C-alpha cells in the first residue's frame, strides 16, 4: 500500500492538531472538578496533583497542536480560531480557581488582574481587526508570555501539596506569576501598537 505523505493529509475538523485543541478545552472543566473535590476533601493533596497532571498535559498539547499543524501542513481556520480560545480558557479559569481558593491572594491578585485584563483586551482587539480584515500574527514574545504563564500556574496549581516536596514552591509560582504579568503587560502594549499601526496603515 502506498504511504500517504503528511503534506497531503486533509486538515479537517478531526485532524490530530484540532483534536489536541479540543482536548485542551475539555480539560478545563476537569481541572475545575479537581479543585472542587480538593475543597470537599479538605484540601486533599492527590486532587492537586491530578489537577497539575491535567494542566501539564494541556500545556504540552498547546505546543504540540501548533507544531504538528505546521509540520503536517494541517493548519486550518478552525484551529486558528480555537487555539487562542483554548489557551485563554485554560489560563483564565485556572487563575480564577487559584484566586478563589486563596493560593493567589493579597497584592499578587494584581498580577492575575493584569494577565486577565490583557487577554480580554487583546481578544477584543483581535475581533475588531478581523472585522476590518487585518490580521496580526503571534509574536515570539507572546509565545514566551504564554509559556511563563503556564509554568507559573503549574507551580500554583499544585500549591500546598508541592510545598511538601519542594519547599516554597508556591512562592516560586507567585514570583513567576509576577514575571509573566510584566511580560504579559509588555506583549499587550506591543500587540496594541502593532494593531494601531495596521489600522493607521489601512
Protein backbone atom coordinates (compact mmCIF):
# COMPACT_ATOMS: atom_id res chain seq x y z
CA UNK A 1 0.00 0.00 0.00
CA UNK A 2 1.27 3.42 -0.88
CA UNK A 3 2.09 5.56 2.13
CA UNK A 4 0.38 8.95 2.22
CA UNK A 5 2.82 11.75 2.96
CA UNK A 6 1.98 14.08 5.87
CA UNK A 7 1.91 17.04 3.48
CA UNK A 8 -1.14 15.59 1.70
CA UNK A 9 -3.26 14.94 4.78
CA UNK A 10 -6.52 16.83 4.93
CA UNK A 11 -6.70 19.45 7.69
CA UNK A 12 -10.31 18.69 8.61
CA UNK A 13 -12.07 19.25 11.95
CA UNK A 14 -10.89 15.83 13.19
CA UNK A 15 -7.21 16.27 12.38
CA UNK A 16 -4.81 15.47 15.23
CA UNK A 17 -3.87 19.14 15.87
CA UNK A 18 -7.56 20.04 16.20
CA UNK A 19 -8.21 17.02 18.42
CA UNK A 20 -5.46 18.23 20.75
CA UNK A 21 -7.12 21.64 20.89
CA UNK A 22 -10.50 20.04 21.70
CA UNK A 23 -8.80 18.04 24.46
CA UNK A 24 -7.32 21.22 25.93
CA UNK A 25 -10.77 22.79 26.08
CA UNK A 26 -12.24 19.63 27.66
CA UNK A 27 -9.52 19.64 30.33
CA UNK A 28 -10.73 22.99 31.70
CA UNK A 29 -13.84 21.60 33.47
CA UNK A 30 -11.77 18.61 34.61
CA UNK A 31 -9.34 20.97 36.39
CA UNK A 32 -12.32 22.75 37.97
CA UNK A 33 -13.61 19.38 39.19
CA UNK A 34 -10.25 18.57 40.78
CA UNK A 35 -10.29 21.84 42.72
CA UNK A 36 -13.89 21.24 43.77
CA UNK A 37 -13.05 17.74 45.03
CA UNK A 38 -9.97 19.08 46.81
CA UNK A 39 -12.13 21.60 48.68
CA UNK A 40 -14.73 18.99 49.57
CA UNK A 41 -11.99 16.64 50.83
CA UNK A 42 -10.33 19.37 52.94
CA UNK A 43 -7.50 20.19 50.53
CA UNK A 44 -6.59 16.63 49.57
CA UNK A 45 -3.12 16.62 48.02
CA UNK A 46 -3.95 13.95 45.45
CA UNK A 47 -6.57 16.17 43.81
CA UNK A 48 -3.99 18.94 43.41
CA UNK A 49 -1.57 16.54 41.73
CA UNK A 50 -4.35 15.36 39.39
CA UNK A 51 -5.09 18.99 38.51
CA UNK A 52 -1.39 19.58 37.82
CA UNK A 53 -1.17 16.48 35.60
CA UNK A 54 -4.15 17.68 33.55
CA UNK A 55 -2.74 21.19 33.33
CA UNK A 56 0.69 19.93 32.21
CA UNK A 57 -0.92 17.76 29.53
CA UNK A 58 -2.94 20.74 28.31
CA UNK A 59 0.17 22.94 28.27
CA UNK A 60 2.14 20.38 26.25
CA UNK A 61 -0.77 19.98 23.83
CA UNK A 62 -0.64 23.75 23.25
CA UNK A 63 2.85 23.32 21.83
CA UNK A 64 2.09 20.07 20.02
CA UNK A 65 -1.02 21.16 18.13
CA UNK A 66 0.73 24.13 16.54
CA UNK A 67 3.91 22.16 15.87
CA UNK A 68 2.07 19.24 14.24
CA UNK A 69 -0.17 21.57 12.23
CA UNK A 70 2.93 23.22 10.73
CA UNK A 71 4.91 20.01 10.16
CA UNK A 72 1.98 18.13 8.64
CA UNK A 73 0.64 21.24 6.88
CA UNK A 74 -2.68 20.85 8.65
CA UNK A 75 -3.31 24.46 9.60
CA UNK A 76 -6.97 25.39 9.39
CA UNK A 77 -9.27 28.32 10.09
CA UNK A 78 -10.96 26.31 12.85
CA UNK A 79 -7.62 25.65 14.52
CA UNK A 80 -6.58 29.30 14.30
CA UNK A 81 -9.83 30.32 15.99
CA UNK A 82 -9.96 27.64 18.69
CA UNK A 83 -6.28 27.58 19.68
CA UNK A 84 -6.17 31.03 21.35
CA UNK A 85 -9.62 30.42 22.85
CA UNK A 86 -8.40 27.18 24.43
CA UNK A 87 -5.32 28.95 25.83
CA UNK A 88 -7.33 31.80 27.31
CA UNK A 89 -9.90 29.44 28.83
CA UNK A 90 -7.23 27.31 30.46
CA UNK A 91 -5.25 30.24 31.88
CA UNK A 92 -8.24 32.39 32.89
CA UNK A 93 -10.16 29.61 34.64
CA UNK A 94 -7.00 28.43 36.42
CA UNK A 95 -6.27 31.94 37.70
CA UNK A 96 -9.86 32.34 38.93
CA UNK A 97 -9.68 28.99 40.74
CA UNK A 98 -6.37 29.90 42.37
CA UNK A 99 -7.75 33.26 43.48
CA UNK A 100 -10.91 31.64 44.82
CA UNK A 101 -9.03 29.13 46.97
CA UNK A 102 -6.57 31.74 48.27
CA UNK A 103 -3.43 30.46 46.56
CA UNK A 104 -3.25 33.82 44.81
CA UNK A 105 -4.09 36.45 47.40
CA UNK A 106 -3.18 39.90 48.62
CA UNK A 107 -1.05 42.04 46.34
CA UNK A 108 -0.45 39.09 43.99
CA UNK A 109 -4.07 39.38 42.88
CA UNK A 110 -2.91 42.33 40.76
CA UNK A 111 -0.63 40.07 38.73
CA UNK A 112 -3.63 37.89 37.89
CA UNK A 113 -5.70 41.00 37.08
CA UNK A 114 -3.01 42.22 34.65
CA UNK A 115 -2.95 38.85 32.88
CA UNK A 116 -6.74 38.53 32.66
CA UNK A 117 -7.19 42.14 31.54
CA UNK A 118 -4.61 41.77 28.78
CA UNK A 119 -6.24 38.60 27.48
CA UNK A 120 -9.69 40.20 27.38
CA UNK A 121 -8.48 43.42 25.76
CA UNK A 122 -6.39 41.62 23.14
CA UNK A 123 -9.30 39.32 22.31
CA UNK A 124 -11.47 42.38 21.73
CA UNK A 125 -8.80 43.97 19.55
CA UNK A 126 -8.41 40.74 17.54
CA UNK A 127 -12.15 40.70 16.85
CA UNK A 128 -12.12 44.34 15.78
CA UNK A 129 -9.14 43.81 13.47
CA UNK A 130 -10.77 40.72 12.00
CA UNK A 131 -13.82 42.81 11.11
CA UNK A 132 -11.65 45.16 9.06
CA UNK A 133 -9.70 42.26 7.53
CA UNK A 134 -6.48 42.97 9.41
CA UNK A 135 -4.50 40.17 10.98
CA UNK A 136 -1.52 40.31 13.32
CA UNK A 137 0.45 37.08 13.77
CA UNK A 138 1.52 35.97 17.23
CA UNK A 139 4.98 37.22 18.12
CA UNK A 140 7.75 35.25 19.77
CA UNK A 141 7.29 37.42 22.86
CA UNK A 142 3.62 36.41 23.05
CA UNK A 143 4.64 32.75 22.92
CA UNK A 144 7.13 33.27 25.74
CA UNK A 145 4.39 35.07 27.66
CA UNK A 146 2.10 32.06 27.40
CA UNK A 147 4.92 29.69 28.41
CA UNK A 148 5.76 31.76 31.51
CA UNK A 149 2.10 31.94 32.49
CA UNK A 150 1.70 28.18 32.24
CA UNK A 151 4.85 27.45 34.26
CA UNK A 152 3.77 29.89 36.98
CA UNK A 153 0.24 28.49 37.11
CA UNK A 154 1.61 24.93 37.21
CA UNK A 155 3.55 25.74 40.40
CA UNK A 156 0.49 27.40 41.91
CA UNK A 157 -1.95 24.65 40.98
CA UNK A 158 -0.03 22.05 42.96
CA UNK A 159 0.30 24.69 45.69
CA UNK A 160 0.46 23.38 49.27
CA UNK A 161 0.90 19.80 48.03
CA UNK A 162 4.01 20.88 46.14
CA UNK A 163 5.39 22.75 49.17
CA UNK A 164 5.68 19.42 50.97
CA UNK A 165 8.09 18.15 48.30
CA UNK A 166 9.75 21.38 47.17
CA UNK A 167 9.61 23.94 50.00
CA UNK A 168 8.36 27.38 48.94
CA UNK A 169 7.21 26.12 45.55
CA UNK A 170 4.09 28.28 45.93
CA UNK A 171 6.32 31.33 46.46
CA UNK A 172 8.23 30.36 43.31
CA UNK A 173 4.93 30.20 41.46
CA UNK A 174 3.92 33.65 42.72
CA UNK A 175 7.30 35.13 41.71
CA UNK A 176 6.94 33.61 38.24
CA UNK A 177 3.37 34.92 38.07
CA UNK A 178 4.66 38.46 38.56
CA UNK A 179 7.36 37.96 35.94
CA UNK A 180 4.77 36.62 33.49
CA UNK A 181 2.48 39.57 34.32
CA UNK A 182 5.25 42.02 33.40
CA UNK A 183 5.93 40.17 30.14
CA UNK A 184 2.17 39.99 29.53
CA UNK A 185 1.85 43.75 30.01
CA UNK A 186 4.67 44.44 27.58
CA UNK A 187 3.39 41.98 24.99
CA UNK A 188 -0.05 43.59 25.25
CA UNK A 189 1.48 47.01 24.60
CA UNK A 190 3.40 45.53 21.66
CA UNK A 191 0.23 43.98 20.25
CA UNK A 192 -1.81 47.17 20.60
CA UNK A 193 0.99 49.20 18.99
CA UNK A 194 1.10 46.80 16.04
CA UNK A 195 -2.69 46.89 15.77
CA UNK A 196 -2.79 50.69 15.69
CA UNK A 197 -0.09 50.77 13.03
CA UNK A 198 -2.11 48.35 10.90
CA UNK A 199 -5.28 50.43 11.36
CA UNK A 200 -3.50 53.69 10.51
CA UNK A 201 -1.85 51.98 7.53
CA UNK A 202 -5.24 50.90 6.26
